[in-house]
């Protein structure tokens, strides 16, 4: 058995991030959600067949810190997209949810044949990607 069971990221503005991810994650196969309503550090996760993705409120001591993909730690998170249309629709909608587009949808043949992706950030600047790779679902990738 392989794969990642869950990912948890910390966010500065929990309510803003919850709106962003509540729009994004169901479109990527994470339809169910579960909340942990801790008044000090709330968290919410979205569950899918391949695992879950969670956000939690960052400790207020670190409120001035900002994400950088070049520091030690997380660089980006890439999600499977069902098809090219999903990638394109996300690119249209991400700015309305508080995210920022980095690179518009396009093919990246240098990554793999048919690799089609959009790169963007969440409201805290965490780098994300939605990628469609033909045959990936059938191959279990």
Foldseek 3Di string as FASTA:
>chain_A
DDADAEEEEEDADVVLLCLLCCVPVVQQAQPDKDWDPDVQKIKMWGHGPRHIYMYIHDHPVCNVDADDLPDPDHNEEETEHPDLVSQQVCQVCNVVSQKAWDAHWDDDVVVPPPWIKTWIAGNRRHIYMYIYDPPCVVVVD
